[in-house]
PDB file of N, CA and C in Angstrom:
ATOM      1  N   MET A   1     -56.149  -6.472  58.807  1.00  0.00           N
ATOM      2  CA  MET A   1     -55.762  -7.510  57.870  1.00  0.00           C
ATOM      3  C   MET A   1     -54.319  -7.264  57.436  1.00  0.00           C
ATOM      4  N   ASN A   2     -53.479  -8.262  57.529  1.00  0.00           N
ATOM      5  CA  ASN A   2     -52.057  -8.113  57.249  1.00  0.00           C
ATOM      6  C   ASN A   2     -51.687  -8.969  56.047  1.00  0.00           C
ATOM      7  N   THR A   3     -52.056  -8.540  54.846  1.00  0.00           N
ATOM      8  CA  THR A   3     -51.741  -9.269  53.623  1.00  0.00           C
ATOM      9  C   THR A   3     -50.483  -8.691  53.007  1.00  0.00           C
ATOM     10  N   PRO A   4     -49.841  -9.415  52.085  1.00  0.00           N
ATOM     11  CA  PRO A   4     -48.620  -8.890  51.465  1.00  0.00           C
ATOM     12  C   PRO A   4     -48.843  -7.565  50.727  1.00  0.00           C
ATOM     13  N   ALA A   5     -50.045  -7.354  50.187  1.00  0.00           N
ATOM     14  CA  ALA A   5     -50.308  -6.112  49.469  1.00  0.00           C
ATOM     15  C   ALA A   5     -50.525  -4.943  50.418  1.00  0.00           C
ATOM     16  N   HIS A   6     -51.001  -5.187  51.637  1.00  0.00           N
ATOM     17  CA  HIS A   6     -51.260  -4.121  52.612  1.00  0.00           C
ATOM     18  C   HIS A   6     -50.542  -4.450  53.911  1.00  0.00           C
ATOM     19  N   TRP A   7     -49.270  -4.090  53.970  1.00  0.00           N
ATOM     20  CA  TRP A   7     -48.419  -4.448  55.095  1.00  0.00           C
ATOM     21  C   TRP A   7     -48.658  -3.467  56.248  1.00  0.00           C
ATOM     22  N   GLY A   8     -48.800  -3.958  57.427  1.00  0.00           N
ATOM     23  CA  GLY A   8     -48.908  -3.121  58.632  1.00  0.00           C
ATOM     24  C   GLY A   8     -50.082  -2.169  58.600  1.00  0.00           C
ATOM     25  N   ASP A   9     -49.796  -0.881  58.401  1.00  0.00           N
ATOM     26  CA  ASP A   9     -50.845   0.143  58.467  1.00  0.00           C
ATOM     27  C   ASP A   9     -51.472   0.433  57.098  1.00  0.00           C
ATOM     28  N   GLY A  10     -51.356  -0.468  56.150  1.00  0.00           N
ATOM     29  CA  GLY A  10     -51.999  -0.291  54.853  1.00  0.00           C
ATOM     30  C   GLY A  10     -51.045   0.067  53.736  1.00  0.00           C
ATOM     31  N   GLY A  11     -49.748   0.183  54.020  1.00  0.00           N
ATOM     32  CA  GLY A  11     -48.782   0.500  52.975  1.00  0.00           C
ATOM     33  C   GLY A  11     -48.476  -0.709  52.103  1.00  0.00           C
ATOM     34  N   PRO A  12     -47.723  -0.532  51.044  1.00  0.00           N
ATOM     35  CA  PRO A  12     -47.480  -1.616  50.107  1.00  0.00           C
ATOM     36  C   PRO A  12     -46.564  -2.712  50.645  1.00  0.00           C
ATOM     37  N   GLY A  13     -45.731  -2.416  51.588  1.00  0.00           N
ATOM     38  CA  GLY A  13     -44.875  -3.432  52.169  1.00  0.00           C
ATOM     39  C   GLY A  13     -43.680  -3.774  51.287  1.00  0.00           C
ATOM     40  N   PRO A  14     -42.913  -4.810  51.667  1.00  0.00           N
ATOM     41  CA  PRO A  14     -41.693  -5.161  50.929  1.00  0.00           C
ATOM     42  C   PRO A  14     -41.983  -5.788  49.568  1.00  0.00           C
ATOM     43  N   TRP A  15     -43.202  -6.186  49.305  1.00  0.00           N
ATOM     44  CA  TRP A  15     -43.536  -6.825  48.036  1.00  0.00           C
ATOM     45  C   TRP A  15     -43.491  -5.855  46.865  1.00  0.00           C
ATOM     46  N   ILE A  16     -43.458  -4.566  47.147  1.00  0.00           N
ATOM     47  CA  ILE A  16     -43.420  -3.585  46.059  1.00  0.00           C
ATOM     48  C   ILE A  16     -42.100  -3.677  45.287  1.00  0.00           C
ATOM     49  N   LEU A  17     -41.068  -4.227  45.903  1.00  0.00           N
ATOM     50  CA  LEU A  17     -39.774  -4.382  45.232  1.00  0.00           C
ATOM     51  C   LEU A  17     -39.748  -5.580  44.281  1.00  0.00           C
ATOM     52  N   LEU A  18     -40.697  -6.458  44.397  1.00  0.00           N
ATOM     53  CA  LEU A  18     -40.678  -7.680  43.603  1.00  0.00           C
ATOM     54  C   LEU A  18     -40.783  -7.405  42.105  1.00  0.00           C
ATOM     55  N   LEU A  19     -41.721  -6.572  41.699  1.00  0.00           N
ATOM     56  CA  LEU A  19     -41.915  -6.320  40.265  1.00  0.00           C
ATOM     57  C   LEU A  19     -40.709  -5.622  39.624  1.00  0.00           C
ATOM     58  N   PRO A  20     -40.144  -4.551  40.198  1.00  0.00           N
ATOM     59  CA  PRO A  20     -38.943  -3.955  39.579  1.00  0.00           C
ATOM     60  C   PRO A  20     -37.752  -4.908  39.530  1.00  0.00           C
ATOM     61  N   LEU A  21     -37.577  -5.707  40.576  1.00  0.00           N
ATOM     62  CA  LEU A  21     -36.472  -6.671  40.563  1.00  0.00           C
ATOM     63  C   LEU A  21     -36.692  -7.750  39.508  1.00  0.00           C
ATOM     64  N   LEU A  22     -37.944  -8.161  39.342  1.00  0.00           N
ATOM     65  CA  LEU A  22     -38.252  -9.143  38.320  1.00  0.00           C
ATOM     66  C   LEU A  22     -37.954  -8.596  36.923  1.00  0.00           C
ATOM     67  N   TRP A  23     -38.358  -7.359  36.652  1.00  0.00           N
ATOM     68  CA  TRP A  23     -38.083  -6.750  35.343  1.00  0.00           C
ATOM     69  C   TRP A  23     -36.584  -6.542  35.116  1.00  0.00           C
ATOM     70  N   ALA A  24     -35.861  -6.173  36.157  1.00  0.00           N
ATOM     71  CA  ALA A  24     -34.407  -6.012  36.026  1.00  0.00           C
ATOM     72  C   ALA A  24     -33.761  -7.346  35.669  1.00  0.00           C
ATOM     73  N   ALA A  25     -34.232  -8.420  36.273  1.00  0.00           N
ATOM     74  CA  ALA A  25     -33.689  -9.747  35.966  1.00  0.00           C
ATOM     75  C   ALA A  25     -34.025 -10.157  34.534  1.00  0.00           C
ATOM     76  N   VAL A  26     -35.228  -9.850  34.075  1.00  0.00           N
ATOM     77  CA  VAL A  26     -35.620 -10.182  32.699  1.00  0.00           C
ATOM     78  C   VAL A  26     -34.766  -9.409  31.699  1.00  0.00           C
ATOM     79  N   ILE A  27     -34.577  -8.123  31.927  1.00  0.00           N
ATOM     80  CA  ILE A  27     -33.782  -7.300  31.008  1.00  0.00           C
ATOM     81  C   ILE A  27     -32.323  -7.745  31.013  1.00  0.00           C
ATOM     82  N   ALA A  28     -31.752  -8.012  32.183  1.00  0.00           N
ATOM     83  CA  ALA A  28     -30.359  -8.467  32.263  1.00  0.00           C
ATOM     84  C   ALA A  28     -30.195  -9.807  31.557  1.00  0.00           C
ATOM     85  N   GLY A  29     -31.162 -10.694  31.722  1.00  0.00           N
ATOM     86  CA  GLY A  29     -31.097 -11.982  31.041  1.00  0.00           C
ATOM     87  C   GLY A  29     -31.179 -11.842  29.530  1.00  0.00           C
ATOM     88  N   ALA A  30     -32.028 -10.926  29.052  1.00  0.00           N
ATOM     89  CA  ALA A  30     -32.145 -10.705  27.606  1.00  0.00           C
ATOM     90  C   ALA A  30     -30.853 -10.137  27.031  1.00  0.00           C
ATOM     91  N   VAL A  31     -30.256  -9.191  27.727  1.00  0.00           N
ATOM     92  CA  VAL A  31     -28.993  -8.605  27.261  1.00  0.00           C
ATOM     93  C   VAL A  31     -27.900  -9.665  27.243  1.00  0.00           C
ATOM     94  N   LEU A  32     -27.812 -10.472  28.269  1.00  0.00           N
ATOM     95  CA  LEU A  32     -26.806 -11.526  28.316  1.00  0.00           C
ATOM     96  C   LEU A  32     -27.016 -12.538  27.194  1.00  0.00           C
ATOM     97  N   LEU A  33     -28.264 -12.923  26.964  1.00  0.00           N
ATOM     98  CA  LEU A  33     -28.564 -13.871  25.894  1.00  0.00           C
ATOM     99  C   LEU A  33     -28.201 -13.295  24.522  1.00  0.00           C
ATOM    100  N   LEU A  34     -28.523 -12.025  24.283  1.00  0.00           N
ATOM    101  CA  LEU A  34     -28.182 -11.409  22.998  1.00  0.00           C
ATOM    102  C   LEU A  34     -26.674 -11.309  22.804  1.00  0.00           C
ATOM    103  N   ARG A  35     -25.949 -11.006  23.864  1.00  0.00           N
ATOM    104  CA  ARG A  35     -24.488 -10.920  23.736  1.00  0.00           C
ATOM    105  C   ARG A  35     -23.859 -12.275  23.442  1.00  0.00           C
ATOM    106  N   LEU A  36     -24.456 -13.338  23.945  1.00  0.00           N
ATOM    107  CA  LEU A  36     -23.920 -14.669  23.694  1.00  0.00           C
ATOM    108  C   LEU A  36     -24.286 -15.184  22.315  1.00  0.00           C
ATOM    109  N   VAL A  37     -25.458 -14.815  21.818  1.00  0.00           N
ATOM    110  CA  VAL A  37     -25.962 -15.373  20.570  1.00  0.00           C
ATOM    111  C   VAL A  37     -25.496 -14.590  19.352  1.00  0.00           C
ATOM    112  N   LEU A  38     -25.574 -13.271  19.410  1.00  0.00           N
ATOM    113  CA  LEU A  38     -25.240 -12.456  18.244  1.00  0.00           C
ATOM    114  C   LEU A  38     -23.733 -12.372  18.044  1.00  0.00           C
ATOM    115  N   PRO A  39     -23.281 -12.413  16.781  1.00  0.00           N
ATOM    116  CA  PRO A  39     -21.841 -12.276  16.530  1.00  0.00           C
ATOM    117  C   PRO A  39     -21.391 -10.848  16.810  1.00  0.00           C
ATOM    118  N   ARG A  40     -20.172 -10.747  17.257  1.00  0.00           N
ATOM    119  CA  ARG A  40     -19.629  -9.416  17.546  1.00  0.00           C
ATOM    120  C   ARG A  40     -19.145  -8.774  16.269  1.00  0.00           C
ATOM    121  N   ARG A  41     -19.452  -7.512  16.143  1.00  0.00           N
ATOM    122  CA  ARG A  41     -19.055  -6.770  14.945  1.00  0.00           C
ATOM    123  C   ARG A  41     -18.051  -5.693  15.315  1.00  0.00           C
ATOM    124  N   GLY A  42     -17.223  -5.376  14.332  1.00  0.00           N
ATOM    125  CA  GLY A  42     -16.329  -4.225  14.442  1.00  0.00           C
ATOM    126  C   GLY A  42     -15.523  -4.219  15.717  1.00  0.00           C
ATOM    127  N   GLY A  43     -15.755  -3.229  16.498  1.00  0.00           N
ATOM    128  CA  GLY A  43     -14.996  -3.042  17.722  1.00  0.00           C
ATOM    129  C   GLY A  43     -14.406  -1.654  17.703  1.00  0.00           C
ATOM    130  N   GLY A  44     -13.985  -1.220  18.799  1.00  0.00           N
ATOM    131  CA  GLY A  44     -13.390   0.093  18.887  1.00  0.00           C
ATOM    132  C   GLY A  44     -11.914  -0.021  19.173  1.00  0.00           C
ATOM    133  N   PRO A  45     -11.345   1.045  19.659  1.00  0.00           N
ATOM    134  CA  PRO A  45      -9.913   1.000  19.954  1.00  0.00           C
ATOM    135  C   PRO A  45      -9.588   0.038  21.081  1.00  0.00           C
ATOM    136  N   TRP A  46     -10.569  -0.325  21.899  1.00  0.00           N
ATOM    137  CA  TRP A  46     -10.328  -1.266  22.986  1.00  0.00           C
ATOM    138  C   TRP A  46     -10.224  -2.687  22.478  1.00  0.00           C
ATOM    139  N   ARG A  47     -10.673  -2.948  21.235  1.00  0.00           N
ATOM    140  CA  ARG A  47     -10.542  -4.274  20.632  1.00  0.00           C
ATOM    141  C   ARG A  47      -9.673  -4.174  19.388  1.00  0.00           C
ATOM    142  N   GLY A  48      -8.493  -3.641  19.534  1.00  0.00           N
ATOM    143  CA  GLY A  48      -7.659  -3.391  18.376  1.00  0.00           C
ATOM    144  C   GLY A  48      -7.067  -4.631  17.757  1.00  0.00           C
ATOM    145  N   GLY A  49      -6.843  -5.649  18.522  1.00  0.00           N
ATOM    146  CA  GLY A  49      -6.222  -6.841  17.979  1.00  0.00           C
ATOM    147  C   GLY A  49      -4.717  -6.668  17.896  1.00  0.00           C
ATOM    148  N   PRO A  50      -4.044  -7.629  17.275  1.00  0.00           N
ATOM    149  CA  PRO A  50      -2.600  -7.552  17.156  1.00  0.00           C
ATOM    150  C   PRO A  50      -2.171  -6.369  16.284  1.00  0.00           C
ATOM    151  N   PRO A  51      -1.020  -5.787  16.549  1.00  0.00           N
ATOM    152  CA  PRO A  51      -0.589  -4.604  15.809  1.00  0.00           C
ATOM    153  C   PRO A  51      -0.410  -4.847  14.320  1.00  0.00           C
ATOM    154  N   TRP A  52      -0.064  -6.076  13.913  1.00  0.00           N
ATOM    155  CA  TRP A  52       0.175  -6.303  12.493  1.00  0.00           C
ATOM    156  C   TRP A  52      -1.123  -6.328  11.688  1.00  0.00           C
ATOM    157  N   GLN A  53      -2.267  -6.437  12.337  1.00  0.00           N
ATOM    158  CA  GLN A  53      -3.513  -6.419  11.594  1.00  0.00           C
ATOM    159  C   GLN A  53      -3.941  -5.010  11.251  1.00  0.00           C
ATOM    160  N   GLY A  54      -3.400  -4.037  11.934  1.00  0.00           N
ATOM    161  CA  GLY A  54      -3.765  -2.665  11.669  1.00  0.00           C
ATOM    162  C   GLY A  54      -5.144  -2.342  12.202  1.00  0.00           C
ATOM    163  N   ARG A  55      -5.452  -1.066  12.260  1.00  0.00           N
ATOM    164  CA  ARG A  55      -6.765  -0.653  12.739  1.00  0.00           C
ATOM    165  C   ARG A  55      -7.501   0.106  11.659  1.00  0.00           C
ATOM    166  N   GLY A  56      -7.022   0.006  10.450  1.00  0.00           N
ATOM    167  CA  GLY A  56      -7.614   0.763   9.369  1.00  0.00           C
ATOM    168  C   GLY A  56      -8.664  -0.010   8.617  1.00  0.00           C
ATOM    169  N   THR A  57      -8.573   0.051   7.295  1.00  0.00           N
ATOM    170  CA  THR A  57      -9.616  -0.503   6.442  1.00  0.00           C
ATOM    171  C   THR A  57      -9.437  -1.984   6.190  1.00  0.00           C
ATOM    172  N   GLY A  58      -8.308  -2.556   6.538  1.00  0.00           N
ATOM    173  CA  GLY A  58      -8.089  -3.975   6.296  1.00  0.00           C
ATOM    174  C   GLY A  58      -7.746  -4.259   4.844  1.00  0.00           C
ATOM    175  N   GLU A  59      -7.028  -3.353   4.217  1.00  0.00           N
ATOM    176  CA  GLU A  59      -6.667  -3.527   2.813  1.00  0.00           C
ATOM    177  C   GLU A  59      -5.604  -4.614   2.673  1.00  0.00           C
ATOM    178  N   ALA A  60      -5.262  -4.934   1.426  1.00  0.00           N
ATOM    179  CA  ALA A  60      -4.297  -5.995   1.144  1.00  0.00           C
ATOM    180  C   ALA A  60      -2.912  -5.648   1.679  1.00  0.00           C
ATOM    181  N   LYS A  61      -2.572  -4.364   1.748  1.00  0.00           N
ATOM    182  CA  LYS A  61      -1.247  -3.998   2.237  1.00  0.00           C
ATOM    183  C   LYS A  61      -1.059  -4.402   3.692  1.00  0.00           C
ATOM    184  N   ASP A  62      -2.128  -4.370   4.473  1.00  0.00           N
ATOM    185  CA  ASP A  62      -2.030  -4.792   5.865  1.00  0.00           C
ATOM    186  C   ASP A  62      -1.776  -6.292   5.967  1.00  0.00           C
ATOM    187  N   SER A  63      -2.338  -7.065   5.065  1.00  0.00           N
ATOM    188  CA  SER A  63      -2.163  -8.498   5.156  1.00  0.00           C
ATOM    189  C   SER A  63      -0.727  -8.906   4.803  1.00  0.00           C
ATOM    190  N   ALA A  64      -0.093  -8.205   3.868  1.00  0.00           N
ATOM    191  CA  ALA A  64       1.287  -8.544   3.502  1.00  0.00           C
ATOM    192  C   ALA A  64       2.250  -8.229   4.649  1.00  0.00           C
ATOM    193  N   THR A  65       2.104  -7.058   5.244  1.00  0.00           N
ATOM    194  CA  THR A  65       2.982  -6.721   6.363  1.00  0.00           C
ATOM    195  C   THR A  65       2.625  -7.553   7.590  1.00  0.00           C
ATOM    196  N   GLY A  66       1.361  -7.904   7.732  1.00  0.00           N
ATOM    197  CA  GLY A  66       0.947  -8.751   8.846  1.00  0.00           C
ATOM    198  C   GLY A  66       1.546 -10.134   8.741  1.00  0.00           C
ATOM    199  N   LEU A  67       1.524 -10.695   7.541  1.00  0.00           N
ATOM    200  CA  LEU A  67       2.118 -12.014   7.322  1.00  0.00           C
ATOM    201  C   LEU A  67       3.616 -11.976   7.597  1.00  0.00           C
ATOM    202  N   LEU A  68       4.256 -10.913   7.147  1.00  0.00           N
ATOM    203  CA  LEU A  68       5.688 -10.767   7.382  1.00  0.00           C
ATOM    204  C   LEU A  68       5.984 -10.668   8.884  1.00  0.00           C
ATOM    205  N   ALA A  69       5.180  -9.903   9.598  1.00  0.00           N
ATOM    206  CA  ALA A  69       5.383  -9.754  11.037  1.00  0.00           C
ATOM    207  C   ALA A  69       5.144 -11.077  11.764  1.00  0.00           C
ATOM    208  N   ARG A  70       4.128 -11.830  11.341  1.00  0.00           N
ATOM    209  CA  ARG A  70       3.874 -13.128  11.970  1.00  0.00           C
ATOM    210  C   ARG A  70       5.014 -14.104  11.718  1.00  0.00           C
ATOM    211  N   ARG A  71       5.573 -14.096  10.500  1.00  0.00           N
ATOM    212  CA  ARG A  71       6.693 -14.998  10.207  1.00  0.00           C
ATOM    213  C   ARG A  71       7.922 -14.635  11.031  1.00  0.00           C
ATOM    214  N   PHE A  72       8.134 -13.320  11.221  1.00  0.00           N
ATOM    215  CA  PHE A  72       9.261 -12.880  12.031  1.00  0.00           C
ATOM    216  C   PHE A  72       9.044 -13.268  13.498  1.00  0.00           C
ATOM    217  N   ALA A  73       7.814 -13.096  13.984  1.00  0.00           N
ATOM    218  CA  ALA A  73       7.514 -13.442  15.372  1.00  0.00           C
ATOM    219  C   ALA A  73       7.630 -14.946  15.609  1.00  0.00           C
ATOM    220  N   ALA A  74       7.309 -15.739  14.596  1.00  0.00           N
ATOM    221  CA  ALA A  74       7.388 -17.191  14.742  1.00  0.00           C
ATOM    222  C   ALA A  74       8.817 -17.705  14.593  1.00  0.00           C
ATOM    223  N   GLY A  75       9.734 -16.847  14.174  1.00  0.00           N
ATOM    224  CA  GLY A  75      11.122 -17.258  14.026  1.00  0.00           C
ATOM    225  C   GLY A  75      11.427 -17.889  12.682  1.00  0.00           C
ATOM    226  N   GLU A  76      10.530 -17.771  11.720  1.00  0.00           N
ATOM    227  CA  GLU A  76      10.768 -18.348  10.394  1.00  0.00           C
ATOM    228  C   GLU A  76      11.790 -17.544   9.606  1.00  0.00           C
ATOM    229  N   ILE A  77      11.857 -16.233   9.858  1.00  0.00           N
ATOM    230  CA  ILE A  77      12.852 -15.389   9.186  1.00  0.00           C
ATOM    231  C   ILE A  77      13.599 -14.606  10.253  1.00  0.00           C
ATOM    232  N   ASP A  78      14.825 -14.219   9.929  1.00  0.00           N
ATOM    233  CA  ASP A  78      15.597 -13.461  10.901  1.00  0.00           C
ATOM    234  C   ASP A  78      15.341 -11.964  10.720  1.00  0.00           C
ATOM    235  N   GLU A  79      15.985 -11.147  11.566  1.00  0.00           N
ATOM    236  CA  GLU A  79      15.727  -9.714  11.570  1.00  0.00           C
ATOM    237  C   GLU A  79      16.162  -9.043  10.271  1.00  0.00           C
ATOM    238  N   ASP A  80      17.321  -9.443   9.740  1.00  0.00           N
ATOM    239  CA  ASP A  80      17.800  -8.839   8.490  1.00  0.00           C
ATOM    240  C   ASP A  80      16.832  -9.096   7.341  1.00  0.00           C
ATOM    241  N   GLU A  81      16.357 -10.331   7.248  1.00  0.00           N
ATOM    242  CA  GLU A  81      15.423 -10.657   6.172  1.00  0.00           C
ATOM    243  C   GLU A  81      14.092  -9.922   6.371  1.00  0.00           C
ATOM    244  N   TYR A  82      13.671  -9.769   7.630  1.00  0.00           N
ATOM    245  CA  TYR A  82      12.430  -9.044   7.912  1.00  0.00           C
ATOM    246  C   TYR A  82      12.525  -7.617   7.408  1.00  0.00           C
ATOM    247  N   TRP A  83      13.622  -6.907   7.766  1.00  0.00           N
ATOM    248  CA  TRP A  83      13.744  -5.502   7.366  1.00  0.00           C
ATOM    249  C   TRP A  83      13.905  -5.372   5.853  1.00  0.00           C
ATOM    250  N   LEU A  84      14.615  -6.300   5.233  1.00  0.00           N
ATOM    251  CA  LEU A  84      14.773  -6.272   3.781  1.00  0.00           C
ATOM    252  C   LEU A  84      13.422  -6.418   3.090  1.00  0.00           C
ATOM    253  N   ARG A  85      12.652  -7.402   3.507  1.00  0.00           N
ATOM    254  CA  ARG A  85      11.343  -7.619   2.880  1.00  0.00           C
ATOM    255  C   ARG A  85      10.370  -6.487   3.191  1.00  0.00           C
ATOM    256  N   LEU A  86      10.439  -5.932   4.390  1.00  0.00           N
ATOM    257  CA  LEU A  86       9.569  -4.820   4.730  1.00  0.00           C
ATOM    258  C   LEU A  86       9.881  -3.598   3.872  1.00  0.00           C
ATOM    259  N   SER A  87      11.178  -3.341   3.626  1.00  0.00           N
ATOM    260  CA  SER A  87      11.529  -2.196   2.775  1.00  0.00           C
ATOM    261  C   SER A  87      11.063  -2.420   1.340  1.00  0.00           C
ATOM    262  N   VAL A  88      11.122  -3.662   0.855  1.00  0.00           N
ATOM    263  CA  VAL A  88      10.620  -3.961  -0.497  1.00  0.00           C
ATOM    264  C   VAL A  88       9.109  -3.725  -0.550  1.00  0.00           C
ATOM    265  N   LEU A  89       8.387  -4.158   0.472  1.00  0.00           N
ATOM    266  CA  LEU A  89       6.936  -3.931   0.501  1.00  0.00           C
ATOM    267  C   LEU A  89       6.608  -2.449   0.538  1.00  0.00           C
ATOM    268  N   ASN A  90       7.335  -1.700   1.340  1.00  0.00           N
ATOM    269  CA  ASN A  90       7.084  -0.258   1.426  1.00  0.00           C
ATOM    270  C   ASN A  90       7.385   0.448   0.112  1.00  0.00           C
ATOM    271  N   GLU A  91       8.462   0.055  -0.558  1.00  0.00           N
ATOM    272  CA  GLU A  91       8.790   0.673  -1.852  1.00  0.00           C
ATOM    273  C   GLU A  91       7.754   0.332  -2.900  1.00  0.00           C
ATOM    274  N   SER A  92       7.217  -0.881  -2.864  1.00  0.00           N
ATOM    275  CA  SER A  92       6.218  -1.256  -3.854  1.00  0.00           C
ATOM    276  C   SER A  92       4.913  -0.494  -3.653  1.00  0.00           C
ATOM    277  N   ARG A  93       4.669  -0.019  -2.424  1.00  0.00           N
ATOM    278  CA  ARG A  93       3.474   0.783  -2.157  1.00  0.00           C
ATOM    279  C   ARG A  93       3.723   2.262  -2.368  1.00  0.00           C
ATOM    280  N   GLY A  94       4.954   2.625  -2.667  1.00  0.00           N
ATOM    281  CA  GLY A  94       5.281   4.026  -2.881  1.00  0.00           C
ATOM    282  C   GLY A  94       5.623   4.768  -1.623  1.00  0.00           C
ATOM    283  N   GLU A  95       5.854   4.068  -0.533  1.00  0.00           N
ATOM    284  CA  GLU A  95       6.245   4.707   0.721  1.00  0.00           C
ATOM    285  C   GLU A  95       7.750   4.779   0.788  1.00  0.00           C
ATOM    286  N   PRO A  96       8.284   5.778   1.510  1.00  0.00           N
ATOM    287  CA  PRO A  96       9.739   5.829   1.654  1.00  0.00           C
ATOM    288  C   PRO A  96      10.263   4.673   2.464  1.00  0.00           C
ATOM    289  N   ALA A  97      11.445   4.242   2.147  1.00  0.00           N
ATOM    290  CA  ALA A  97      12.049   3.072   2.806  1.00  0.00           C
ATOM    291  C   ALA A  97      12.484   3.357   4.197  1.00  0.00           C
TER     292      ALA A  97
END
């Protein structure tokens, strides 16, 4: 008798691969679905984002220098004004100019 469960001389035959492949497809589909549905949190150094956002705690000081850097990058302020305002921000935080 040559059924799919007993191929040739009574061995399991190629159908034995069906169940593991089916489970691999189910698990891969679940992981893909979760990655698409769930919001992404945090991130590591590989998802650092733009340099002006910083990689630290996201305090208010990062937002002020970030805004200044974005305005400079957009061409709203020139280089002299950028450095002047950056030194004022650093002095107000107690950092050396």
